[in-house]
Amino acid sequence: MVKVCVLILHVKPFVITHTVAGGPLAMIKLTRLDGEAFILNAELIRYVDHRGDTFVTLNSGERIVVRESLDEVVDRSLAYQQQKHFLPPPPRPTAVAVSSPATQFNTHSPAN
């Protein structure tokens, strides 16, 4: 019998969670073009597009230009949704350690 250990490391960067009276409130951290960091409620995002710069359009119609790439904004929004719905993270490369069957689970006792 071979014992296999799988280690999955997953970090949700840039997702900030606070607890309020109505439950958890998760938001994403973004950066304006001038370098100022801000926190955005990901529920307010209508769409994100890229035209040289990355534009985040909110449900209100307001547009915010951010330093992050379109893919970074999408990744952070997806991480927020996964956290919100307790979805498992997407599979990532894993480290696998395999030990010898001779050193594990030896149930034979020496004969006397």
Protein backbone atom coordinates (compact mmCIF):
# COMPACT_ATOMS: atom_id res chain seq x y z
CA MET A 1 0.00 0.00 0.00
CA VAL A 2 1.34 3.43 -0.92
CA LYS A 3 0.53 6.45 1.21
CA VAL A 4 0.02 9.61 -0.84
CA CYS A 5 -0.12 13.04 0.75
CA VAL A 6 -1.46 15.92 -1.31
CA LEU A 7 -0.87 19.48 -0.24
CA ILE A 8 -3.04 22.14 -1.85
CA LEU A 9 -2.06 25.73 -1.22
CA HIS A 10 -4.58 28.41 -2.09
CA VAL A 11 -4.52 32.03 -1.07
CA LYS A 12 -7.26 34.52 -1.84
CA PRO A 13 -5.33 37.73 -2.32
CA PHE A 14 -6.97 41.11 -2.23
CA VAL A 15 -10.30 39.86 -0.88
CA ILE A 16 -11.24 41.64 2.32
CA THR A 17 -13.92 40.30 4.63
CA HIS A 18 -15.63 42.20 7.41
CA THR A 19 -18.58 41.07 9.49
CA VAL A 20 -21.51 43.44 9.77
CA ALA A 21 -24.94 43.04 11.34
CA GLY A 22 -26.37 41.49 8.15
CA GLY A 23 -23.52 38.97 7.77
CA PRO A 24 -20.15 38.97 6.05
CA LEU A 25 -19.37 41.80 3.66
CA ALA A 26 -16.60 41.00 1.20
CA MET A 27 -14.92 43.56 -1.02
CA ILE A 28 -11.92 43.70 -3.33
CA LYS A 29 -8.88 45.95 -3.14
CA LEU A 30 -7.99 47.91 -6.29
CA THR A 31 -5.66 50.79 -7.16
CA ARG A 32 -6.51 54.02 -8.96
CA LEU A 33 -4.13 55.24 -11.70
CA ASP A 34 -2.63 57.79 -9.28
CA GLY A 35 -1.56 54.92 -6.96
CA GLU A 36 -4.31 55.38 -4.36
CA ALA A 37 -5.63 52.05 -3.11
CA PHE A 38 -9.36 51.69 -2.47
CA ILE A 39 -11.83 49.00 -1.53
CA LEU A 40 -14.74 48.20 -3.86
CA ASN A 41 -17.84 46.17 -3.14
CA ALA A 42 -17.63 43.58 -5.94
CA GLU A 43 -21.44 43.33 -6.01
CA LEU A 44 -21.51 46.81 -7.58
CA ILE A 45 -19.50 45.84 -10.67
CA ARG A 46 -21.56 45.74 -13.87
CA TYR A 47 -18.63 44.98 -16.20
CA VAL A 48 -14.91 45.45 -16.72
CA ASP A 49 -13.26 46.39 -19.99
CA HIS A 50 -9.77 47.17 -21.22
CA ARG A 51 -8.93 50.00 -23.64
CA GLY A 52 -5.31 50.66 -22.85
CA ASP A 53 -6.40 51.15 -19.23
CA THR A 54 -8.76 48.94 -17.25
CA PHE A 55 -12.22 50.43 -16.69
CA VAL A 56 -14.57 49.12 -14.01
CA THR A 57 -18.16 50.15 -14.71
CA LEU A 58 -20.49 50.04 -11.72
CA ASN A 59 -24.23 49.35 -11.66
CA SER A 60 -24.79 53.10 -11.19
CA GLY A 61 -22.99 53.82 -14.50
CA GLU A 62 -19.96 55.31 -12.76
CA ARG A 63 -16.65 54.30 -14.36
CA ILE A 64 -13.44 53.84 -12.40
CA VAL A 65 -10.03 53.52 -14.07
CA VAL A 66 -7.70 51.13 -12.21
CA ARG A 67 -4.06 50.01 -12.49
CA GLU A 68 -4.90 46.32 -12.29
CA SER A 69 -5.30 44.35 -15.49
CA LEU A 70 -8.69 43.12 -16.63
CA ASP A 71 -7.67 39.57 -15.61
CA GLU A 72 -6.64 40.71 -12.11
CA VAL A 73 -10.00 42.42 -11.53
CA VAL A 74 -11.83 39.33 -12.78
CA ASP A 75 -9.72 37.03 -10.57
CA ARG A 76 -10.40 39.14 -7.49
CA SER A 77 -14.13 39.28 -8.29
CA LEU A 78 -14.21 35.50 -8.75
CA ALA A 79 -12.37 34.99 -5.45
CA TYR A 80 -15.00 37.20 -3.82
CA GLN A 81 -17.84 35.15 -5.33
CA GLN A 82 -16.19 31.88 -4.27
CA GLN A 83 -15.83 33.18 -0.74
CA LYS A 84 -19.40 34.46 -0.72
CA HIS A 85 -20.89 31.17 -1.87
CA PHE A 86 -18.32 28.98 -0.11
CA LEU A 87 -17.28 27.55 -3.46
CA PRO A 88 -14.07 25.55 -3.49
CA PRO A 89 -11.10 27.25 -5.11
CA PRO A 90 -10.14 26.16 -8.62
CA PRO A 91 -7.61 23.32 -8.77
CA ARG A 92 -4.01 24.46 -8.64
CA PRO A 93 -0.74 22.58 -9.02
CA THR A 94 -0.18 20.41 -5.98
CA ALA A 95 2.81 18.95 -4.22
CA VAL A 96 2.67 15.19 -3.84
CA ALA A 97 4.79 13.22 -1.39
CA VAL A 98 4.92 9.45 -1.78
CA SER A 99 6.41 7.20 0.85
CA SER A 100 7.64 3.66 0.46
CA PRO A 101 5.14 0.89 1.25
CA ALA A 102 7.84 -0.86 3.28
CA THR A 103 7.98 1.99 5.79
CA GLN A 104 4.24 2.54 6.11
CA PHE A 105 1.48 0.27 7.30
CA ASN A 106 3.68 -2.74 8.08
CA THR A 107 1.24 -5.08 9.82
CA HIS A 108 3.38 -8.20 9.73
CA SER A 109 5.08 -9.13 12.99
CA PRO A 110 8.27 -11.14 12.95
CA ALA A 111 7.84 -14.88 13.55
CA ASN A 112 9.28 -16.22 16.80
